[in-house]
Amino acid sequence: MKAVITVVGRDTVGVVAKVSGVCSELNINIEDVTQSIMQEMFCMIMLVNLEKCNVSHDAMRARFAKAGEEMGMQVNITRQEVFDAMHRI
């Protein structure tokens, strides 16, 4: 199963390291990533593979939310089937 992780907030040092660190902790493989800074706002989208994730979906969402709070950024994770369904409507 795949998911999309989005990260948005004021640019700061260590954002990529923090989010990829959470992926590593949870055994989530990063398959693709794009990032940019738009008028001092950091924006990143990651496509990840959840097949070997070692926690429940709720625990995973909570861990990414906590990472976002620690950085003062918004971090969301959406499973690919939910993402696809949202964009078919």
N, C-alpha and C. Protein backbone atom coordinates (compact mmCIF):
# COMPACT_ATOMS: atom_id res chain seq x y z
N MET A 1 0.84 -1.17 0.00
CA MET A 1 0.00 0.00 0.00
C MET A 1 0.90 1.25 0.00
N LYS A 2 0.50 2.22 -0.75
CA LYS A 2 1.26 3.48 -0.84
C LYS A 2 0.48 4.60 -0.18
N ALA A 3 1.21 5.68 0.12
CA ALA A 3 0.60 6.86 0.73
C ALA A 3 1.34 8.10 0.25
N VAL A 4 0.68 9.23 0.41
CA VAL A 4 1.28 10.53 0.10
C VAL A 4 1.43 11.30 1.40
N ILE A 5 2.64 11.78 1.66
CA ILE A 5 2.92 12.62 2.83
C ILE A 5 3.13 14.03 2.31
N THR A 6 2.43 15.00 2.90
CA THR A 6 2.64 16.40 2.56
C THR A 6 3.14 17.14 3.78
N VAL A 7 4.07 18.06 3.54
CA VAL A 7 4.65 18.87 4.61
C VAL A 7 4.63 20.32 4.15
N VAL A 8 4.03 21.19 4.95
CA VAL A 8 3.95 22.61 4.60
C VAL A 8 4.19 23.44 5.85
N GLY A 9 4.99 24.48 5.71
CA GLY A 9 5.23 25.39 6.83
C GLY A 9 6.41 26.29 6.55
N ARG A 10 6.71 27.14 7.50
CA ARG A 10 7.86 28.04 7.37
C ARG A 10 9.13 27.22 7.25
N ASP A 11 9.97 27.61 6.30
CA ASP A 11 11.21 26.88 6.06
C ASP A 11 12.11 26.93 7.30
N THR A 12 12.65 25.78 7.65
CA THR A 12 13.56 25.69 8.79
C THR A 12 14.54 24.55 8.54
N VAL A 13 15.61 24.54 9.26
CA VAL A 13 16.63 23.51 9.11
C VAL A 13 16.12 22.17 9.65
N GLY A 14 16.37 21.10 8.91
CA GLY A 14 16.11 19.76 9.40
C GLY A 14 14.76 19.15 9.07
N VAL A 15 13.98 19.80 8.24
CA VAL A 15 12.63 19.28 7.94
C VAL A 15 12.72 17.92 7.24
N VAL A 16 13.52 17.84 6.21
CA VAL A 16 13.64 16.59 5.46
C VAL A 16 14.18 15.49 6.37
N ALA A 17 15.17 15.82 7.19
CA ALA A 17 15.74 14.84 8.11
C ALA A 17 14.71 14.35 9.12
N LYS A 18 13.89 15.25 9.63
CA LYS A 18 12.88 14.87 10.63
C LYS A 18 11.84 13.93 10.02
N VAL A 19 11.29 14.29 8.87
CA VAL A 19 10.25 13.48 8.25
C VAL A 19 10.81 12.15 7.78
N SER A 20 11.98 12.16 7.17
CA SER A 20 12.57 10.89 6.73
C SER A 20 12.97 10.04 7.93
N GLY A 21 13.32 10.68 9.05
CA GLY A 21 13.63 9.95 10.27
C GLY A 21 12.41 9.21 10.81
N VAL A 22 11.24 9.87 10.76
CA VAL A 22 10.00 9.21 11.18
C VAL A 22 9.72 8.03 10.25
N CYS A 23 9.91 8.21 8.96
CA CYS A 23 9.71 7.11 8.01
C CYS A 23 10.63 5.94 8.38
N SER A 24 11.86 6.23 8.68
CA SER A 24 12.81 5.19 9.05
C SER A 24 12.37 4.46 10.32
N GLU A 25 11.97 5.23 11.35
CA GLU A 25 11.49 4.65 12.61
C GLU A 25 10.35 3.66 12.38
N LEU A 26 9.45 4.02 11.47
CA LEU A 26 8.24 3.24 11.24
C LEU A 26 8.38 2.22 10.11
N ASN A 27 9.60 2.10 9.57
CA ASN A 27 9.90 1.16 8.49
C ASN A 27 9.06 1.46 7.24
N ILE A 28 8.95 2.75 6.93
CA ILE A 28 8.23 3.22 5.75
C ILE A 28 9.26 3.59 4.69
N ASN A 29 9.13 3.03 3.49
CA ASN A 29 10.08 3.29 2.43
C ASN A 29 9.66 4.51 1.61
N ILE A 30 10.57 5.46 1.44
CA ILE A 30 10.32 6.64 0.61
C ILE A 30 10.64 6.28 -0.84
N GLU A 31 9.63 6.39 -1.71
CA GLU A 31 9.82 6.03 -3.11
C GLU A 31 10.08 7.24 -4.01
N ASP A 32 9.53 8.38 -3.64
CA ASP A 32 9.74 9.58 -4.45
C ASP A 32 9.52 10.79 -3.55
N VAL A 33 10.21 11.86 -3.84
CA VAL A 33 10.06 13.08 -3.04
C VAL A 33 10.29 14.30 -3.93
N THR A 34 9.50 15.32 -3.69
CA THR A 34 9.71 16.60 -4.34
C THR A 34 9.54 17.68 -3.27
N GLN A 35 10.35 18.70 -3.37
CA GLN A 35 10.26 19.78 -2.39
C GLN A 35 10.62 21.10 -3.04
N SER A 36 10.09 22.16 -2.48
CA SER A 36 10.42 23.50 -2.96
C SER A 36 10.14 24.50 -1.85
N ILE A 37 10.70 25.66 -2.02
CA ILE A 37 10.43 26.77 -1.11
C ILE A 37 9.75 27.85 -1.92
N MET A 38 8.53 28.17 -1.49
CA MET A 38 7.73 29.16 -2.20
C MET A 38 7.44 30.32 -1.25
N GLN A 39 8.11 31.45 -1.50
CA GLN A 39 7.94 32.64 -0.68
C GLN A 39 8.08 32.32 0.81
N GLU A 40 9.20 31.71 1.18
CA GLU A 40 9.56 31.36 2.55
C GLU A 40 8.76 30.20 3.14
N MET A 41 7.88 29.59 2.34
CA MET A 41 7.13 28.42 2.79
C MET A 41 7.75 27.17 2.20
N PHE A 42 8.07 26.22 3.08
CA PHE A 42 8.63 24.95 2.65
C PHE A 42 7.47 24.02 2.28
N CYS A 43 7.55 23.39 1.11
CA CYS A 43 6.52 22.47 0.64
C CYS A 43 7.19 21.18 0.18
N MET A 44 6.73 20.06 0.70
CA MET A 44 7.30 18.78 0.31
C MET A 44 6.18 17.76 0.13
N ILE A 45 6.32 16.93 -0.89
CA ILE A 45 5.41 15.82 -1.13
C ILE A 45 6.26 14.57 -1.27
N MET A 46 5.89 13.54 -0.52
CA MET A 46 6.59 12.25 -0.58
C MET A 46 5.60 11.17 -0.97
N LEU A 47 6.02 10.28 -1.84
CA LEU A 47 5.27 9.06 -2.11
C LEU A 47 5.99 7.96 -1.35
N VAL A 48 5.27 7.28 -0.48
CA VAL A 48 5.90 6.26 0.38
C VAL A 48 5.17 4.93 0.24
N ASN A 49 5.89 3.87 0.59
CA ASN A 49 5.35 2.52 0.58
C ASN A 49 5.16 2.08 2.02
N LEU A 50 3.93 1.71 2.38
CA LEU A 50 3.59 1.34 3.76
C LEU A 50 3.60 -0.17 4.01
N GLU A 51 3.98 -0.96 3.02
CA GLU A 51 3.88 -2.41 3.14
C GLU A 51 4.57 -2.98 4.37
N LYS A 52 5.68 -2.40 4.78
CA LYS A 52 6.43 -2.94 5.91
C LYS A 52 6.35 -2.06 7.16
N CYS A 53 5.40 -1.11 7.16
CA CYS A 53 5.22 -0.23 8.31
C CYS A 53 4.96 -1.08 9.56
N ASN A 54 5.61 -0.71 10.66
CA ASN A 54 5.57 -1.54 11.87
C ASN A 54 4.61 -1.04 12.95
N VAL A 55 3.69 -0.12 12.59
CA VAL A 55 2.68 0.37 13.54
C VAL A 55 1.33 0.46 12.84
N SER A 56 0.28 0.64 13.62
CA SER A 56 -1.06 0.79 13.04
C SER A 56 -1.17 2.12 12.30
N HIS A 57 -2.20 2.22 11.47
CA HIS A 57 -2.42 3.46 10.72
C HIS A 57 -2.63 4.65 11.67
N ASP A 58 -3.39 4.46 12.73
CA ASP A 58 -3.63 5.54 13.69
C ASP A 58 -2.35 5.98 14.37
N ALA A 59 -1.52 5.02 14.75
CA ALA A 59 -0.24 5.34 15.40
C ALA A 59 0.68 6.07 14.42
N MET A 60 0.66 5.66 13.17
CA MET A 60 1.48 6.30 12.15
C MET A 60 1.05 7.76 11.97
N ARG A 61 -0.26 7.99 11.83
CA ARG A 61 -0.77 9.36 11.67
C ARG A 61 -0.39 10.22 12.87
N ALA A 62 -0.51 9.66 14.06
CA ALA A 62 -0.17 10.40 15.29
C ALA A 62 1.31 10.76 15.31
N ARG A 63 2.16 9.85 14.86
CA ARG A 63 3.60 10.11 14.88
C ARG A 63 3.97 11.22 13.91
N PHE A 64 3.36 11.23 12.73
CA PHE A 64 3.63 12.32 11.77
C PHE A 64 3.05 13.64 12.27
N ALA A 65 1.89 13.61 12.91
CA ALA A 65 1.30 14.83 13.47
C ALA A 65 2.21 15.41 14.55
N LYS A 66 2.77 14.53 15.39
CA LYS A 66 3.69 14.97 16.45
C LYS A 66 4.93 15.60 15.84
N ALA A 67 5.48 14.99 14.81
CA ALA A 67 6.65 15.56 14.14
C ALA A 67 6.33 16.94 13.59
N GLY A 68 5.15 17.10 13.01
CA GLY A 68 4.73 18.40 12.50
C GLY A 68 4.64 19.44 13.60
N GLU A 69 4.06 19.07 14.73
CA GLU A 69 3.96 19.99 15.87
C GLU A 69 5.35 20.40 16.35
N GLU A 70 6.25 19.45 16.44
CA GLU A 70 7.62 19.74 16.91
C GLU A 70 8.32 20.74 16.00
N MET A 71 8.00 20.72 14.71
CA MET A 71 8.64 21.63 13.76
C MET A 71 7.82 22.89 13.49
N GLY A 72 6.60 22.93 14.02
CA GLY A 72 5.72 24.06 13.72
C GLY A 72 5.22 24.03 12.29
N MET A 73 5.03 22.81 11.77
CA MET A 73 4.60 22.64 10.38
C MET A 73 3.40 21.71 10.34
N GLN A 74 2.75 21.66 9.21
CA GLN A 74 1.64 20.74 9.00
C GLN A 74 2.16 19.54 8.23
N VAL A 75 2.01 18.34 8.81
CA VAL A 75 2.42 17.10 8.15
C VAL A 75 1.19 16.20 8.08
N ASN A 76 0.82 15.82 6.87
CA ASN A 76 -0.34 14.94 6.66
C ASN A 76 0.09 13.71 5.89
N ILE A 77 -0.56 12.58 6.20
CA ILE A 77 -0.34 11.37 5.43
C ILE A 77 -1.69 10.85 4.98
N THR A 78 -1.78 10.55 3.69
CA THR A 78 -3.03 10.08 3.09
C THR A 78 -2.73 8.82 2.29
N ARG A 79 -3.42 7.73 2.62
CA ARG A 79 -3.22 6.49 1.86
C ARG A 79 -3.61 6.73 0.41
N GLN A 80 -2.92 6.05 -0.47
CA GLN A 80 -3.12 6.27 -1.90
C GLN A 80 -4.56 6.03 -2.34
N GLU A 81 -5.23 5.01 -1.80
CA GLU A 81 -6.60 4.76 -2.24
C GLU A 81 -7.53 5.90 -1.84
N VAL A 82 -7.28 6.52 -0.69
CA VAL A 82 -8.09 7.68 -0.26
C VAL A 82 -7.78 8.87 -1.16
N PHE A 83 -6.51 9.08 -1.41
CA PHE A 83 -6.06 10.17 -2.29
C PHE A 83 -6.69 10.01 -3.67
N ASP A 84 -6.64 8.79 -4.22
CA ASP A 84 -7.23 8.54 -5.54
C ASP A 84 -8.73 8.78 -5.54
N ALA A 85 -9.42 8.31 -4.50
CA ALA A 85 -10.87 8.48 -4.41
C ALA A 85 -11.25 9.96 -4.32
N MET A 86 -10.48 10.74 -3.58
CA MET A 86 -10.77 12.18 -3.45
C MET A 86 -10.66 12.88 -4.78
N HIS A 87 -9.76 12.42 -5.63
CA HIS A 87 -9.53 13.11 -6.89
C HIS A 87 -10.35 12.55 -8.04
N ARG A 88 -11.15 11.53 -7.78
CA ARG A 88 -12.08 11.00 -8.78
C ARG A 88 -13.43 11.67 -8.69
N ILE A 89 -13.71 12.26 -7.55
CA ILE A 89 -15.04 12.87 -7.32
C ILE A 89 -15.14 14.18 -8.03
